Amino acid sequence: AADPDPDGDSADGSDDGSDEEEDPLLDPPEGVVADPGVDYYAVLGIDDASAPDDEIREAYRRLAGELRDDESDGAEGRLEGIRVAYAVLADGERRREYDEARGVDP
């Protein structure tokens, strides 16, 4: 059955909050291989490699939100870099391997 309201609003007109969850730009890409030559913490504007997961998530969502509607030159590439950084740092195992390859002890 088709969704009677494609905007994600319920029948009573309230928003069920699903719009944000369905935004593909806020999901990290799959199959990313970490590049130890890139400082993914700096890409996300994070100073400390021991930053908690929620700080990484908030930094990613803030930057992705700022860039997703930006049509200026380089915005698409910067957004992709942010998505890759988050894909590496949001996954505990990838983050550990990345930090080890960079010689970082969070």
N, C-alpha and C. Protein backbone atom coordinates (compact mmCIF):
# COMPACT_ATOMS: atom_id res chain seq x y z
N ALA A 1 0.84 -1.18 0.00
CA ALA A 1 0.00 0.00 0.00
C ALA A 1 0.88 1.23 0.00
N ALA A 2 0.47 2.22 -0.74
CA ALA A 2 1.23 3.46 -0.83
C ALA A 2 1.03 4.28 0.42
N ASP A 3 2.05 5.04 0.78
CA ASP A 3 1.97 5.94 1.92
C ASP A 3 1.00 7.06 1.55
N PRO A 4 -0.09 7.24 2.31
CA PRO A 4 -1.07 8.26 1.96
C PRO A 4 -0.52 9.67 2.09
N ASP A 5 0.54 9.87 2.87
CA ASP A 5 1.11 11.19 3.03
C ASP A 5 2.62 11.11 2.85
N PRO A 6 3.13 11.39 1.65
CA PRO A 6 4.55 11.23 1.38
C PRO A 6 5.45 12.18 2.17
N ASP A 7 4.89 13.20 2.81
CA ASP A 7 5.69 14.14 3.58
C ASP A 7 6.10 13.59 4.94
N GLY A 8 5.56 12.44 5.34
CA GLY A 8 5.89 11.86 6.62
C GLY A 8 5.04 12.38 7.76
N ASP A 9 4.03 13.18 7.44
CA ASP A 9 3.14 13.69 8.46
C ASP A 9 2.07 12.65 8.75
N SER A 10 1.64 12.58 9.98
CA SER A 10 0.59 11.64 10.32
C SER A 10 -0.76 12.21 9.90
N ALA A 11 -1.81 11.41 10.01
CA ALA A 11 -3.14 11.82 9.60
C ALA A 11 -3.61 13.05 10.36
N ASP A 12 -3.13 13.23 11.60
CA ASP A 12 -3.57 14.40 12.37
C ASP A 12 -2.74 15.64 12.08
N GLY A 13 -1.81 15.54 11.10
CA GLY A 13 -1.04 16.71 10.69
C GLY A 13 0.27 16.86 11.45
N SER A 14 0.52 16.03 12.44
CA SER A 14 1.78 16.14 13.17
C SER A 14 2.88 15.42 12.40
N ASP A 15 4.08 15.89 12.56
CA ASP A 15 5.22 15.28 11.88
C ASP A 15 5.74 14.13 12.71
N ASP A 16 5.91 12.96 12.08
CA ASP A 16 6.37 11.78 12.83
C ASP A 16 7.89 11.75 12.97
N GLY A 17 8.60 12.77 12.43
CA GLY A 17 10.04 12.85 12.58
C GLY A 17 10.82 11.96 11.64
N SER A 18 10.15 11.28 10.72
CA SER A 18 10.85 10.34 9.85
C SER A 18 11.63 11.01 8.74
N ASP A 19 11.36 12.27 8.43
CA ASP A 19 12.05 12.93 7.34
C ASP A 19 13.56 12.93 7.54
N GLU A 20 14.02 13.24 8.75
CA GLU A 20 15.44 13.32 9.01
C GLU A 20 16.11 11.95 8.85
N GLU A 21 15.47 10.92 9.29
CA GLU A 21 16.05 9.58 9.22
C GLU A 21 16.17 9.09 7.78
N GLU A 22 15.36 9.62 6.87
CA GLU A 22 15.36 9.14 5.50
C GLU A 22 16.30 9.93 4.60
N ASP A 23 17.00 10.93 5.12
CA ASP A 23 17.89 11.74 4.32
C ASP A 23 19.17 10.96 4.04
N PRO A 24 19.39 10.51 2.80
CA PRO A 24 20.56 9.68 2.51
C PRO A 24 21.88 10.40 2.73
N LEU A 25 21.88 11.72 2.71
CA LEU A 25 23.12 12.46 2.92
C LEU A 25 23.56 12.41 4.38
N LEU A 26 22.66 12.05 5.27
CA LEU A 26 23.03 11.95 6.67
C LEU A 26 23.45 10.55 7.04
N ASP A 27 23.44 9.64 6.09
CA ASP A 27 23.91 8.27 6.31
C ASP A 27 25.31 8.16 5.73
N PRO A 28 26.24 7.56 6.48
CA PRO A 28 27.59 7.42 5.94
C PRO A 28 27.61 6.42 4.79
N PRO A 29 28.52 6.59 3.85
CA PRO A 29 28.62 5.64 2.74
C PRO A 29 29.13 4.30 3.25
N GLU A 30 28.78 3.24 2.54
CA GLU A 30 29.23 1.90 2.91
C GLU A 30 30.50 1.55 2.15
N GLY A 31 31.26 0.61 2.68
CA GLY A 31 32.44 0.10 2.00
C GLY A 31 33.62 1.05 1.99
N VAL A 32 33.65 1.99 2.91
CA VAL A 32 34.74 2.96 2.96
C VAL A 32 35.99 2.31 3.56
N VAL A 33 37.12 2.57 2.95
CA VAL A 33 38.40 2.11 3.47
C VAL A 33 39.13 3.32 4.04
N ALA A 34 39.54 3.22 5.30
CA ALA A 34 40.20 4.33 5.97
C ALA A 34 41.56 4.62 5.35
N ASP A 35 41.85 5.90 5.17
CA ASP A 35 43.14 6.34 4.67
C ASP A 35 43.88 7.01 5.83
N PRO A 36 44.91 6.36 6.40
CA PRO A 36 45.60 6.93 7.54
C PRO A 36 46.30 8.25 7.23
N GLY A 37 46.42 8.59 5.96
CA GLY A 37 47.03 9.86 5.57
C GLY A 37 46.08 11.04 5.69
N VAL A 38 44.82 10.77 5.96
CA VAL A 38 43.81 11.82 6.09
C VAL A 38 43.42 11.94 7.56
N ASP A 39 43.40 13.17 8.06
CA ASP A 39 42.99 13.40 9.45
C ASP A 39 41.48 13.58 9.48
N TYR A 40 40.76 12.47 9.69
CA TYR A 40 39.30 12.52 9.68
C TYR A 40 38.75 13.33 10.85
N TYR A 41 39.48 13.40 11.94
CA TYR A 41 39.04 14.23 13.06
C TYR A 41 39.01 15.70 12.63
N ALA A 42 40.07 16.15 11.94
CA ALA A 42 40.13 17.53 11.46
C ALA A 42 39.04 17.80 10.42
N VAL A 43 38.77 16.81 9.56
CA VAL A 43 37.72 16.96 8.55
C VAL A 43 36.39 17.31 9.23
N LEU A 44 36.14 16.68 10.38
CA LEU A 44 34.90 16.93 11.11
C LEU A 44 35.02 18.08 12.10
N GLY A 45 36.19 18.70 12.17
CA GLY A 45 36.39 19.83 13.07
C GLY A 45 36.53 19.41 14.53
N ILE A 46 37.03 18.21 14.76
CA ILE A 46 37.20 17.68 16.11
C ILE A 46 38.68 17.72 16.45
N ASP A 47 39.00 18.31 17.62
CA ASP A 47 40.39 18.49 18.02
C ASP A 47 41.00 17.28 18.70
N ASP A 48 40.18 16.43 19.29
CA ASP A 48 40.68 15.39 20.17
C ASP A 48 40.26 14.00 19.67
N ALA A 49 41.24 13.13 19.46
CA ALA A 49 40.95 11.78 18.98
C ALA A 49 40.20 10.95 20.02
N SER A 50 40.13 11.42 21.25
CA SER A 50 39.38 10.69 22.26
C SER A 50 37.94 11.21 22.38
N ALA A 51 37.52 12.00 21.40
CA ALA A 51 36.16 12.55 21.42
C ALA A 51 35.14 11.41 21.48
N PRO A 52 34.09 11.59 22.29
CA PRO A 52 33.07 10.55 22.37
C PRO A 52 32.25 10.45 21.08
N ASP A 53 31.60 9.32 20.91
CA ASP A 53 30.82 9.07 19.70
C ASP A 53 29.77 10.14 19.44
N ASP A 54 29.12 10.64 20.51
CA ASP A 54 28.07 11.63 20.30
C ASP A 54 28.65 12.94 19.77
N GLU A 55 29.87 13.30 20.15
CA GLU A 55 30.49 14.52 19.62
C GLU A 55 30.81 14.35 18.14
N ILE A 56 31.26 13.17 17.76
CA ILE A 56 31.54 12.89 16.34
C ILE A 56 30.25 12.94 15.53
N ARG A 57 29.20 12.32 16.05
CA ARG A 57 27.92 12.31 15.36
C ARG A 57 27.37 13.74 15.19
N GLU A 58 27.43 14.53 16.25
CA GLU A 58 26.92 15.91 16.18
C GLU A 58 27.72 16.75 15.19
N ALA A 59 29.05 16.60 15.19
CA ALA A 59 29.88 17.35 14.25
C ALA A 59 29.53 16.97 12.81
N TYR A 60 29.37 15.67 12.57
CA TYR A 60 29.01 15.20 11.23
C TYR A 60 27.65 15.74 10.80
N ARG A 61 26.67 15.63 11.66
CA ARG A 61 25.32 16.07 11.29
C ARG A 61 25.27 17.57 11.05
N ARG A 62 26.02 18.33 11.84
CA ARG A 62 26.05 19.78 11.66
C ARG A 62 26.67 20.12 10.31
N LEU A 63 27.84 19.54 10.02
CA LEU A 63 28.52 19.84 8.75
C LEU A 63 27.73 19.34 7.55
N ALA A 64 27.21 18.13 7.63
CA ALA A 64 26.43 17.58 6.51
C ALA A 64 25.19 18.43 6.27
N GLY A 65 24.55 18.87 7.34
CA GLY A 65 23.37 19.72 7.21
C GLY A 65 23.69 21.05 6.55
N GLU A 66 24.85 21.61 6.89
CA GLU A 66 25.26 22.88 6.29
C GLU A 66 25.57 22.73 4.81
N LEU A 67 26.13 21.59 4.41
CA LEU A 67 26.59 21.41 3.04
C LEU A 67 25.59 20.76 2.10
N ARG A 68 24.58 20.09 2.62
CA ARG A 68 23.74 19.30 1.72
C ARG A 68 22.99 20.13 0.70
N ASP A 69 22.70 21.40 0.99
CA ASP A 69 22.01 22.26 0.02
C ASP A 69 22.95 23.28 -0.63
N ASP A 70 24.24 23.18 -0.32
CA ASP A 70 25.23 24.11 -0.84
C ASP A 70 25.57 23.72 -2.28
N GLU A 71 25.39 24.65 -3.20
CA GLU A 71 25.66 24.36 -4.61
C GLU A 71 26.95 25.01 -5.09
N SER A 72 27.75 25.54 -4.18
CA SER A 72 28.99 26.19 -4.57
C SER A 72 30.03 25.16 -5.02
N ASP A 73 31.03 25.66 -5.73
CA ASP A 73 32.11 24.78 -6.20
C ASP A 73 32.78 24.11 -5.01
N GLY A 74 32.99 22.83 -5.11
CA GLY A 74 33.70 22.09 -4.07
C GLY A 74 32.84 21.56 -2.95
N ALA A 75 31.58 22.00 -2.86
CA ALA A 75 30.73 21.57 -1.75
C ALA A 75 30.45 20.06 -1.81
N GLU A 76 30.23 19.54 -3.00
CA GLU A 76 29.94 18.11 -3.14
C GLU A 76 31.12 17.26 -2.70
N GLY A 77 32.32 17.66 -3.09
CA GLY A 77 33.52 16.93 -2.68
C GLY A 77 33.76 17.03 -1.19
N ARG A 78 33.50 18.21 -0.63
CA ARG A 78 33.68 18.38 0.82
C ARG A 78 32.66 17.54 1.58
N LEU A 79 31.42 17.50 1.09
CA LEU A 79 30.39 16.68 1.72
C LEU A 79 30.79 15.20 1.68
N GLU A 80 31.32 14.76 0.56
CA GLU A 80 31.75 13.36 0.46
C GLU A 80 32.88 13.08 1.45
N GLY A 81 33.81 14.01 1.61
CA GLY A 81 34.89 13.85 2.57
C GLY A 81 34.37 13.75 4.00
N ILE A 82 33.35 14.54 4.31
CA ILE A 82 32.74 14.51 5.63
C ILE A 82 32.03 13.17 5.85
N ARG A 83 31.36 12.69 4.83
CA ARG A 83 30.66 11.40 4.94
C ARG A 83 31.66 10.26 5.14
N VAL A 84 32.78 10.30 4.45
CA VAL A 84 33.81 9.26 4.61
C VAL A 84 34.41 9.33 6.02
N ALA A 85 34.71 10.53 6.48
CA ALA A 85 35.27 10.70 7.82
C ALA A 85 34.33 10.11 8.86
N TYR A 86 33.05 10.40 8.72
CA TYR A 86 32.08 9.88 9.68
C TYR A 86 31.97 8.36 9.57
N ALA A 87 32.01 7.83 8.37
CA ALA A 87 31.91 6.38 8.19
C ALA A 87 33.04 5.67 8.93
N VAL A 88 34.22 6.26 8.93
CA VAL A 88 35.37 5.67 9.61
C VAL A 88 35.26 5.86 11.12
N LEU A 89 34.97 7.08 11.57
CA LEU A 89 35.01 7.38 12.99
C LEU A 89 33.77 6.90 13.75
N ALA A 90 32.67 6.68 13.06
CA ALA A 90 31.44 6.24 13.74
C ALA A 90 31.42 4.74 13.98
N ASP A 91 32.27 4.02 13.28
CA ASP A 91 32.34 2.56 13.42
C ASP A 91 33.50 2.25 14.37
N GLY A 92 33.19 1.71 15.54
CA GLY A 92 34.19 1.48 16.57
C GLY A 92 35.41 0.71 16.09
N GLU A 93 35.21 -0.36 15.33
CA GLU A 93 36.33 -1.17 14.84
C GLU A 93 37.16 -0.41 13.82
N ARG A 94 36.49 0.25 12.88
CA ARG A 94 37.23 1.03 11.87
C ARG A 94 38.01 2.15 12.55
N ARG A 95 37.37 2.81 13.52
CA ARG A 95 38.02 3.91 14.22
C ARG A 95 39.27 3.41 14.95
N ARG A 96 39.16 2.27 15.62
CA ARG A 96 40.30 1.72 16.35
C ARG A 96 41.44 1.41 15.38
N GLU A 97 41.13 0.76 14.26
CA GLU A 97 42.15 0.43 13.27
C GLU A 97 42.77 1.70 12.67
N TYR A 98 41.94 2.69 12.40
CA TYR A 98 42.42 3.96 11.85
C TYR A 98 43.36 4.64 12.84
N ASP A 99 42.95 4.72 14.10
CA ASP A 99 43.78 5.35 15.13
C ASP A 99 45.11 4.61 15.29
N GLU A 100 45.08 3.28 15.26
CA GLU A 100 46.30 2.49 15.37
C GLU A 100 47.23 2.77 14.18
N ALA A 101 46.67 2.82 12.98
CA ALA A 101 47.48 3.08 11.77
C ALA A 101 48.10 4.46 11.82
N ARG A 102 47.45 5.40 12.46
CA ARG A 102 47.97 6.76 12.58
C ARG A 102 48.85 6.94 13.80
N GLY A 103 48.93 5.92 14.65
CA GLY A 103 49.74 6.04 15.86
C GLY A 103 49.09 6.89 16.92
N VAL A 104 47.75 6.97 16.88
CA VAL A 104 46.99 7.77 17.84
C VAL A 104 46.53 6.86 18.97
N ASP A 105 46.68 7.33 20.18
CA ASP A 105 46.23 6.58 21.34
C ASP A 105 45.12 7.37 22.04
N PRO A 106 43.87 7.14 21.62
CA PRO A 106 42.77 7.95 22.17
C PRO A 106 42.53 7.71 23.65
